[in-house]
Amino acid sequence: MPEMSEVGPEELLALDRQHVWHPYGPMPGLDEPLLIESAAGVRLRLARPVAGQRELIDGMSSWWSAIHGYNHPVLNEAVTGQLSRMSHVMFGGLTHEPAIRLAKRLVDITPEGLEHVFLADSGSVSVEVAVKMCLQYWRSTGNSRKQRLLTWRGGYHGDTWNPMSVCDPEGGMHQLWSGVLPEQIFADAPPPGFDAEPDEAYAAHLRELIARHAEELAAVIVEPVVQGAGGMRFHSPGYLRVLREACDEHGVLLVLDEIATGFGRTGTMFAAEHAGITPDVLCLGKALTGGYLTMAATLCTSRVADGISSGEVPLLAHGPTFMGNPLASAVAEASIGLLLGGDWAGEVKRIESGLRAGLEPARELPCVRDVRVLGAIGVVQLEAGADLAAAGRAAVREGVWLRPFRDMVYTMPPYPTGDEDLARICAAVCAAATAGAPASAA
């Protein structure tokens, strides 16, 4: 076979179809993916024109991770500089400056009280580690009956085993594993509306469930403020305060999954700050490395770490091969430095204003059920039966990359997205919503 550099786009796509399994798809895939040859700033360059476009504005931040855009000189230097020193070394029995600096940076910027950092491979693995921490904490402190988790419906926490068990059991993508996964406890989905006053009846529902199951509950785990891949729903921060108070009252740990919401996406550095609370365990991922390399982190309080360390097995039996990878640690620390060194809050606020103005016309479309914006997140929810493939194609025709899912067209643009490009993203979302309208709404 010729060198890949000599292979044209058509042959590459044929090889892709023959050999490459893409996320959330069959093998071979039903739809041909777009072939990207490079990326810079907020643009993806296609290997061949599609719908008259050679470049696409990225409205997705590569699944919410590339918050600084692509090919950023500061992040490039962090990777290449570290590469010349050490690309990887095992973390068992060894340590290194990039991981130490990253851990200290995370402790400094996360809610007060989170003192210990476990570096993992991916967001889903960070949730696995969080669950293991909670289960082992109770076992180590003499409460081995506490083995279940509570969450609310509409959530998504990843595609590995324990995270799947706390994803939405009915509307989620893991129904196939019903009856096989650990059986967890589900509260009703939180009432919608970030700015809405907390509903006291719903708060009482949360308190009652936690009280009723306290003897068997190891932890409550939720996505704070924004439920991401489970439906892009926003809820009042007041419910997080209810959970914190109820968990404290009944001796249950609280885990916040900020894999999607961390690092400024909702307008605060971490969504927990909207509620002014500290969880016992915090999961981070996605934007941690600015979209450069896979890495996640699970942070916990000293109470949790000390409890595990006091047990019959005084260690957390988890150790990924690439744990604390120096390249990923270096670029993650540089990405956080970029955020803190710039006006990230102002940029997110600017994007929020642009999304509110640009997506408002979608409310008038007959196919649209709801339009909602929070921070650098914009969502247009369609009537049931939407044609997502048609919606995606319409966005490409507008020169924008979006990935509609379920009944939604949404955008999470990189923070450096300029006002003109933001307006184009909004126009593409509206065009996608129109093109994806179910026949009944046309």
Protein backbone atom coordinates (compact mmCIF):
# COMPACT_ATOMS: atom_id res chain seq x y z
CA MET A 1 0.00 0.00 0.00
CA PRO A 2 1.35 3.52 -0.78
CA GLU A 3 2.28 5.94 2.00
CA MET A 4 -0.80 7.62 3.49
CA SER A 5 0.50 11.00 2.28
CA GLU A 6 0.11 9.67 -1.28
CA VAL A 7 -3.45 8.44 -0.79
CA GLY A 8 -6.22 10.69 -2.07
CA PRO A 9 -9.40 11.64 -0.19
CA GLU A 10 -11.59 9.12 -1.98
CA GLU A 11 -9.32 6.19 -1.15
CA LEU A 12 -8.94 7.37 2.46
CA LEU A 13 -12.70 7.46 2.87
CA ALA A 14 -13.00 4.00 1.36
CA LEU A 15 -10.43 2.70 3.87
CA ASP A 16 -12.28 4.49 6.64
CA ARG A 17 -15.52 2.79 5.70
CA GLN A 18 -13.81 -0.60 5.54
CA HIS A 19 -11.82 -0.44 8.79
CA VAL A 20 -12.72 2.45 11.11
CA TRP A 21 -15.52 2.21 13.66
CA HIS A 22 -16.83 5.68 14.51
CA PRO A 23 -18.58 6.63 17.76
CA TYR A 24 -22.26 5.78 18.17
CA GLY A 25 -22.45 4.18 14.75
CA PRO A 26 -22.65 0.80 13.04
CA MET A 27 -19.85 -0.95 11.17
CA PRO A 28 -19.64 -0.02 8.38
CA GLY A 29 -21.07 3.44 8.92
CA LEU A 30 -24.26 4.57 7.22
CA ASP A 31 -23.14 8.16 6.63
CA GLU A 32 -19.81 9.18 5.20
CA PRO A 33 -17.85 11.32 7.67
CA LEU A 34 -16.22 14.56 6.59
CA LEU A 35 -12.47 14.16 6.03
CA ILE A 36 -10.48 16.84 7.87
CA GLU A 37 -6.93 17.60 6.79
CA SER A 38 -6.05 20.37 9.25
CA ALA A 39 -7.47 22.79 11.80
CA ALA A 40 -6.48 26.27 12.95
CA GLY A 41 -8.21 28.91 15.01
CA VAL A 42 -11.88 28.02 14.97
CA ARG A 43 -11.85 26.45 11.50
CA LEU A 44 -11.66 22.89 10.24
CA ARG A 45 -10.17 22.49 6.77
CA LEU A 46 -11.70 19.74 4.65
CA ALA A 47 -9.60 17.45 2.47
CA ARG A 48 -12.10 17.97 -0.32
CA PRO A 49 -14.93 20.49 -0.77
CA VAL A 50 -18.34 19.50 0.59
CA ALA A 51 -21.49 21.41 -0.35
CA GLY A 52 -19.24 24.10 -1.81
CA GLN A 53 -17.31 24.52 1.44
CA ARG A 54 -13.60 23.90 1.96
CA GLU A 55 -13.53 25.19 5.53
CA LEU A 56 -16.05 24.90 8.34
CA ILE A 57 -16.38 27.04 11.45
CA ASP A 58 -16.35 24.63 14.38
CA GLY A 59 -19.50 25.13 16.42
CA MET A 60 -18.80 22.11 18.64
CA SER A 61 -15.30 22.71 20.09
CA SER A 62 -14.64 19.07 19.15
CA TRP A 63 -17.19 17.69 21.61
CA TRP A 64 -16.69 20.67 23.95
CA SER A 65 -12.97 20.17 24.47
CA ALA A 66 -11.14 22.63 22.15
CA ILE A 67 -12.03 25.74 24.13
CA HIS A 68 -9.04 27.70 22.79
CA GLY A 69 -9.55 26.62 19.19
CA TYR A 70 -6.95 24.72 17.18
CA ASN A 71 -3.22 24.96 16.59
CA HIS A 72 -2.76 27.43 19.42
CA PRO A 73 0.91 28.50 19.70
CA VAL A 74 0.98 28.37 23.50
CA LEU A 75 -0.45 24.86 23.64
CA ASN A 76 1.71 23.73 20.73
CA GLU A 77 4.79 24.91 22.62
CA ALA A 78 3.68 23.13 25.78
CA VAL A 79 3.48 19.84 23.87
CA THR A 80 6.64 20.21 21.81
CA GLY A 81 8.66 21.52 24.74
CA GLN A 82 7.62 18.58 26.90
CA LEU A 83 8.14 16.14 24.02
CA SER A 84 11.81 17.06 23.86
CA ARG A 85 12.20 16.18 27.54
CA MET A 86 9.93 13.18 28.13
CA SER A 87 6.81 12.01 26.33
CA HIS A 88 5.81 9.41 28.89
CA VAL A 89 6.94 7.62 32.00
CA MET A 90 4.98 5.25 34.19
CA PHE A 91 3.32 6.89 37.20
CA GLY A 92 3.68 3.91 39.52
CA GLY A 93 6.65 4.62 41.78
CA LEU A 94 7.67 7.65 39.69
CA THR A 95 6.47 11.22 39.41
CA HIS A 96 7.32 14.32 37.39
CA GLU A 97 6.93 18.08 37.35
CA PRO A 98 4.12 18.40 34.74
CA ALA A 99 1.75 16.20 36.74
CA ILE A 100 2.66 17.88 40.04
CA ARG A 101 2.14 21.36 38.58
CA LEU A 102 -1.19 20.32 37.05
CA ALA A 103 -2.47 18.79 40.28
CA LYS A 104 -1.56 21.94 42.24
CA ARG A 105 -3.25 24.12 39.62
CA LEU A 106 -6.44 22.05 39.80
CA VAL A 107 -6.52 22.21 43.59
CA ASP A 108 -6.08 25.99 43.40
CA ILE A 109 -8.93 26.66 40.95
CA THR A 110 -11.56 24.12 41.99
CA PRO A 111 -14.00 24.67 44.90
CA GLU A 112 -12.27 24.91 48.25
CA GLY A 113 -11.71 21.62 50.04
CA LEU A 114 -10.82 19.45 47.05
CA GLU A 115 -7.21 18.66 47.93
CA HIS A 116 -6.32 15.40 46.16
CA VAL A 117 -6.10 14.69 42.42
CA PHE A 118 -6.29 11.35 40.61
CA LEU A 119 -5.28 11.75 36.94
CA ALA A 120 -7.22 9.43 34.62
CA ASP A 121 -7.51 8.63 30.93
CA SER A 122 -10.91 10.03 29.98
CA GLY A 123 -14.05 11.54 31.41
CA SER A 124 -15.79 8.20 31.67
CA VAL A 125 -12.83 6.73 33.55
CA SER A 126 -12.84 9.70 35.92
CA VAL A 127 -16.43 8.77 36.82
CA GLU A 128 -15.40 5.13 37.30
CA VAL A 129 -12.68 6.33 39.68
CA ALA A 130 -15.16 8.57 41.52
CA VAL A 131 -17.56 5.66 42.04
CA LYS A 132 -14.73 3.45 43.22
CA MET A 133 -13.60 6.16 45.65
CA CYS A 134 -17.08 6.44 47.15
CA LEU A 135 -17.65 2.70 47.46
CA GLN A 136 -14.22 2.12 48.97
CA TYR A 137 -14.61 5.04 51.37
CA TRP A 138 -17.66 3.45 52.97
CA ARG A 139 -16.17 -0.02 52.95
CA SER A 140 -13.00 1.32 54.59
CA THR A 141 -14.96 3.17 57.26
CA GLY A 142 -17.12 0.16 58.17
CA ASN A 143 -20.26 0.87 56.15
CA SER A 144 -20.07 -1.78 53.43
CA ARG A 145 -23.87 -1.75 53.00
CA LYS A 146 -23.58 1.60 51.23
CA GLN A 147 -23.13 0.34 47.67
CA ARG A 148 -25.70 2.16 45.53
CA LEU A 149 -25.79 5.49 43.74
CA LEU A 150 -28.56 8.03 43.34
CA THR A 151 -28.91 10.40 40.42
CA TRP A 152 -31.68 12.16 38.56
CA ARG A 153 -33.14 11.19 35.22
CA GLY A 154 -31.92 12.84 32.06
CA GLY A 155 -28.25 12.50 32.94
CA TYR A 156 -25.22 11.21 31.06
CA HIS A 157 -21.93 10.21 32.70
CA GLY A 158 -20.04 8.14 30.11
CA ASP A 159 -19.98 4.85 28.28
CA THR A 160 -18.02 2.57 30.62
CA TRP A 161 -19.74 0.28 33.12
CA ASN A 162 -20.53 2.21 36.27
CA PRO A 163 -21.08 5.51 34.43
CA MET A 164 -23.63 3.77 32.18
CA SER A 165 -25.55 2.68 35.28
CA VAL A 166 -26.23 6.31 36.24
CA CYS A 167 -27.15 7.51 32.75
CA ASP A 168 -30.84 7.95 32.03
CA PRO A 169 -32.26 4.39 32.19
CA GLU A 170 -35.08 4.97 29.69
CA GLY A 171 -34.28 7.81 27.32
CA GLY A 172 -30.53 7.27 27.28
CA MET A 173 -28.32 5.33 24.91
CA HIS A 174 -27.63 2.45 27.28
CA GLN A 175 -31.05 0.79 27.46
CA LEU A 176 -29.46 -2.26 25.85
CA TRP A 177 -27.77 -3.01 29.17
CA SER A 178 -30.89 -2.78 31.30
CA GLY A 179 -30.97 -5.71 33.72
CA VAL A 180 -27.20 -6.21 33.48
CA LEU A 181 -25.89 -2.92 34.86
CA PRO A 182 -25.89 -2.24 38.61
CA GLU A 183 -29.36 -1.06 39.59
CA GLN A 184 -29.21 2.51 40.85
CA ILE A 185 -31.79 4.90 42.30
CA PHE A 186 -33.28 7.59 40.06
CA ALA A 187 -34.99 10.79 41.08
CA ASP A 188 -37.21 12.62 38.64
CA ALA A 189 -35.39 14.95 36.24
CA PRO A 190 -34.87 18.43 37.68
CA PRO A 191 -37.44 21.05 36.56
CA PRO A 192 -36.06 23.12 33.67
CA GLY A 193 -34.79 26.66 33.89
CA PHE A 194 -31.45 27.95 35.17
CA ASP A 195 -33.03 31.19 36.40
CA ALA A 196 -36.20 29.58 37.75
CA GLU A 197 -36.88 29.57 41.46
CA PRO A 198 -36.32 26.07 42.88
CA ASP A 199 -39.53 24.08 43.08
CA GLU A 200 -40.08 23.14 46.72
CA ALA A 201 -42.03 20.00 45.82
CA TYR A 202 -39.12 18.76 43.73
CA ALA A 203 -36.62 19.68 46.46
CA ALA A 204 -38.73 17.65 48.90
CA HIS A 205 -38.67 14.75 46.42
CA LEU A 206 -34.85 14.80 46.43
CA ARG A 207 -34.65 15.02 50.20
CA GLU A 208 -37.12 12.18 50.68
CA LEU A 209 -35.30 9.83 48.31
CA ILE A 210 -31.94 10.46 49.95
CA ALA A 211 -33.41 9.99 53.43
CA ARG A 212 -35.26 6.80 52.46
CA HIS A 213 -32.20 5.16 50.90
CA ALA A 214 -29.48 6.65 53.11
CA GLU A 215 -28.41 3.34 54.63
CA GLU A 216 -27.62 1.88 51.19
CA LEU A 217 -26.48 5.04 49.40
CA ALA A 218 -22.76 5.51 48.84
CA ALA A 219 -23.15 8.71 46.83
CA VAL A 220 -25.34 11.02 44.82
CA ILE A 221 -23.87 11.85 41.40
CA VAL A 222 -25.21 14.57 39.09
CA GLU A 223 -24.14 16.98 36.38
CA PRO A 224 -24.40 20.43 37.93
CA VAL A 225 -26.58 23.07 36.23
CA VAL A 226 -26.37 21.52 32.73
CA GLN A 227 -27.31 17.96 31.83
CA GLY A 228 -25.17 17.47 28.74
CA ALA A 229 -25.45 14.56 26.34
CA GLY A 230 -28.58 13.34 28.12
CA GLY A 231 -30.59 16.23 26.71
CA MET A 232 -28.85 19.63 27.14
CA ARG A 233 -31.21 20.63 29.95
CA PHE A 234 -30.49 23.54 32.31
CA HIS A 235 -31.68 23.56 35.91
CA SER A 236 -31.58 25.84 38.94
CA PRO A 237 -28.36 25.79 41.01
CA GLY A 238 -30.66 25.68 44.02
CA TYR A 239 -31.12 21.94 43.58
CA LEU A 240 -27.38 21.45 44.08
CA ARG A 241 -27.66 23.15 47.46
CA VAL A 242 -30.55 20.83 48.32
CA LEU A 243 -28.40 17.82 47.44
CA ARG A 244 -25.44 19.09 49.44
CA GLU A 245 -27.59 19.67 52.53
CA ALA A 246 -29.41 16.34 52.25
CA CYS A 247 -26.19 14.40 51.69
CA ASP A 248 -24.60 16.02 54.72
CA GLU A 249 -27.67 15.34 56.86
CA HIS A 250 -27.91 11.66 55.93
CA GLY A 251 -24.26 10.67 55.58
CA VAL A 252 -24.05 10.36 51.78
CA LEU A 253 -21.19 11.55 49.55
CA LEU A 254 -21.85 14.03 46.73
CA VAL A 255 -20.15 13.65 43.35
CA LEU A 256 -20.37 16.39 40.72
CA ASP A 257 -19.62 15.44 37.12
CA GLU A 258 -18.18 18.60 35.55
CA ILE A 259 -16.67 16.88 32.54
CA ALA A 260 -18.80 19.03 30.22
CA THR A 261 -19.35 22.09 32.40
CA GLY A 262 -15.86 22.70 33.76
CA PHE A 263 -13.40 25.38 32.68
CA GLY A 264 -15.80 28.23 32.07
CA ARG A 265 -18.45 26.79 29.79
CA THR A 266 -21.45 27.89 31.92
CA GLY A 267 -20.05 31.33 32.82
CA THR A 268 -18.25 30.33 36.03
CA MET A 269 -15.02 28.37 36.08
CA PHE A 270 -16.95 25.40 37.46
CA ALA A 271 -20.71 25.02 37.53
CA ALA A 272 -20.65 24.22 41.25
CA GLU A 273 -19.79 27.87 41.82
CA HIS A 274 -23.31 28.86 40.72
CA ALA A 275 -24.53 27.09 43.87
CA GLY A 276 -21.60 27.97 46.12
CA ILE A 277 -20.98 24.36 47.15
CA THR A 278 -18.07 21.93 47.26
CA PRO A 279 -18.69 18.28 46.36
CA ASP A 280 -16.90 15.41 48.05
CA VAL A 281 -15.67 14.24 44.65
CA LEU A 282 -15.35 16.22 41.39
CA CYS A 283 -14.90 14.77 37.89
CA LEU A 284 -13.18 16.78 35.15
CA GLY A 285 -12.32 16.05 31.53
CA LYS A 286 -13.00 17.29 27.98
CA ALA A 287 -11.59 20.85 28.08
CA LEU A 288 -8.90 19.91 30.62
CA THR A 289 -6.18 19.73 27.93
CA GLY A 290 -7.75 22.28 25.60
CA GLY A 291 -8.68 19.46 23.23
CA TYR A 292 -5.08 18.37 22.60
CA LEU A 293 -4.77 15.02 24.38
CA THR A 294 -7.02 12.67 26.27
CA MET A 295 -6.90 13.22 30.02
CA ALA A 296 -9.29 13.58 32.93
CA ALA A 297 -9.10 14.12 36.66
CA THR A 298 -11.00 13.02 39.76
CA LEU A 299 -10.56 15.31 42.76
CA CYS A 300 -11.66 14.52 46.31
CA THR A 301 -11.61 15.99 49.78
CA SER A 302 -9.21 14.92 52.52
CA ARG A 303 -12.13 13.22 54.27
CA VAL A 304 -12.56 10.83 51.34
CA ALA A 305 -8.83 10.22 50.85
CA ASP A 306 -8.21 9.68 54.57
CA GLY A 307 -11.18 7.32 54.81
CA ILE A 308 -9.87 5.15 51.99
CA SER A 309 -6.36 5.17 53.43
CA SER A 310 -7.60 4.02 56.85
CA GLY A 311 -9.19 0.85 55.54
CA GLU A 312 -8.12 -2.78 55.47
CA VAL A 313 -6.90 -2.15 51.91
CA PRO A 314 -5.38 1.33 52.40
CA LEU A 315 -5.00 2.22 48.73
CA LEU A 316 -7.13 3.03 45.71
CA ALA A 317 -6.65 0.06 43.40
CA HIS A 318 -6.72 1.89 40.12
CA GLY A 319 -3.77 2.79 37.91
CA PRO A 320 -4.09 3.46 34.17
CA THR A 321 -0.96 2.83 32.12
CA PHE A 322 -0.91 6.40 30.87
CA MET A 323 -1.91 7.96 34.18
CA GLY A 324 -0.35 11.40 34.60
CA ASN A 325 1.09 11.35 31.07
CA PRO A 326 3.65 14.19 30.89
CA LEU A 327 2.54 15.46 27.48
CA ALA A 328 -1.10 15.64 28.54
CA SER A 329 -0.19 17.12 31.93
CA ALA A 330 1.94 19.83 30.35
CA VAL A 331 -0.67 20.91 27.84
CA ALA A 332 -3.45 20.77 30.46
CA GLU A 333 -1.48 23.06 32.76
CA ALA A 334 -0.81 25.39 29.83
CA SER A 335 -4.49 25.39 28.85
CA ILE A 336 -5.54 26.39 32.37
CA GLY A 337 -2.84 29.07 32.30
CA LEU A 338 -4.32 30.46 29.08
CA LEU A 339 -7.74 30.66 30.71
CA LEU A 340 -6.49 32.36 33.85
CA GLY A 341 -4.22 34.72 31.90
CA GLY A 342 -7.00 35.99 29.65
CA ASP A 343 -10.52 37.32 30.00
CA TRP A 344 -12.26 33.97 29.68
CA ALA A 345 -15.29 35.17 31.63
CA GLY A 346 -15.70 38.16 29.33
CA GLU A 347 -15.37 35.96 26.27
CA VAL A 348 -17.99 33.51 27.51
CA LYS A 349 -20.31 36.41 28.37
CA ARG A 350 -19.82 37.84 24.88
CA ILE A 351 -20.61 34.47 23.32
CA GLU A 352 -23.69 34.13 25.54
CA SER A 353 -24.98 37.51 24.34
CA GLY A 354 -24.31 36.59 20.71
CA LEU A 355 -26.07 33.25 21.07
CA ARG A 356 -29.10 34.85 22.71
CA ALA A 357 -29.45 37.38 19.91
CA GLY A 358 -28.57 35.01 17.09
CA LEU A 359 -30.78 32.09 18.15
CA GLU A 360 -33.83 34.17 19.11
CA PRO A 361 -35.28 34.03 15.54
CA ALA A 362 -35.47 30.22 15.89
CA ARG A 363 -38.34 30.64 18.37
CA GLU A 364 -40.56 31.63 15.47
CA LEU A 365 -39.90 28.47 13.50
CA PRO A 366 -42.88 26.07 13.56
CA CYS A 367 -40.60 23.08 14.22
CA VAL A 368 -38.97 24.55 17.35
CA ARG A 369 -40.10 23.63 20.88
CA ASP A 370 -37.54 25.61 22.86
CA VAL A 371 -34.49 27.85 22.60
CA ARG A 372 -32.15 28.11 25.58
CA VAL A 373 -28.74 29.66 26.20
CA LEU A 374 -26.37 29.53 29.16
CA GLY A 375 -22.79 30.73 28.99
CA ALA A 376 -21.19 29.43 25.79
CA ILE A 377 -23.98 26.88 25.21
CA GLY A 378 -26.85 27.41 22.78
CA VAL A 379 -29.63 24.87 22.24
CA VAL A 380 -32.54 24.76 19.80
CA GLN A 381 -34.90 21.90 20.61
CA LEU A 382 -37.06 20.56 17.79
CA GLU A 383 -40.35 18.75 17.66
CA ALA A 384 -40.14 14.96 17.88
CA GLY A 385 -39.16 13.15 14.70
CA ALA A 386 -36.51 15.64 13.57
CA ASP A 387 -34.34 14.69 10.59
CA LEU A 388 -30.90 15.11 12.13
CA ALA A 389 -29.01 14.12 8.99
CA ALA A 390 -30.76 16.85 7.03
CA ALA A 391 -30.06 19.31 9.84
CA GLY A 392 -26.35 18.51 9.79
CA ARG A 393 -26.14 18.86 6.01
CA ALA A 394 -27.84 22.25 6.19
CA ALA A 395 -25.25 23.48 8.69
CA VAL A 396 -22.41 22.38 6.40
CA ARG A 397 -23.99 24.28 3.52
CA GLU A 398 -23.79 27.34 5.77
CA GLY A 399 -20.09 26.69 6.37
CA VAL A 400 -20.45 25.49 9.96
CA TRP A 401 -19.79 22.16 11.67
CA LEU A 402 -22.57 21.09 14.04
CA ARG A 403 -23.55 17.64 15.23
CA PRO A 404 -27.29 17.57 16.00
CA PHE A 405 -28.49 14.77 18.26
CA ARG A 406 -31.74 13.48 19.73
CA ASP A 407 -34.18 16.31 18.98
CA MET A 408 -31.66 19.14 19.21
CA VAL A 409 -29.41 21.37 17.21
CA TYR A 410 -26.93 22.90 19.61
CA THR A 411 -23.59 24.69 19.67
CA MET A 412 -20.70 25.00 22.13
CA PRO A 413 -18.23 27.19 20.22
CA PRO A 414 -14.58 27.73 21.17
CA TYR A 415 -14.09 30.82 23.32
CA PRO A 416 -12.03 32.76 20.71
CA THR A 417 -14.93 32.58 18.21
CA GLY A 418 -15.33 36.11 16.84
CA ASP A 419 -18.65 37.91 16.56
CA GLU A 420 -18.90 37.43 12.80
CA ASP A 421 -18.24 33.71 13.07
CA LEU A 422 -20.66 33.48 15.99
CA ALA A 423 -23.36 35.07 13.85
CA ARG A 424 -22.66 32.48 11.14
CA ILE A 425 -22.95 29.67 13.71
CA CYS A 426 -26.32 31.01 14.84
CA ALA A 427 -27.52 31.30 11.24
CA ALA A 428 -26.41 27.72 10.64
CA VAL A 429 -28.27 26.50 13.75
CA CYS A 430 -31.45 28.18 12.47
CA ALA A 431 -30.95 26.72 8.99
CA ALA A 432 -30.34 23.30 10.49
CA ALA A 433 -33.49 23.58 12.60
CA THR A 434 -35.51 24.44 9.52
CA ALA A 435 -34.02 21.65 7.41
CA GLY A 436 -34.43 19.10 10.19
CA ALA A 437 -38.06 19.90 10.88
CA PRO A 438 -40.24 16.77 11.02
CA ALA A 439 -42.88 16.58 8.32
CA SER A 440 -45.62 17.23 10.88
CA ALA A 441 -44.07 20.60 11.75
CA ALA A 442 -43.33 21.74 8.20
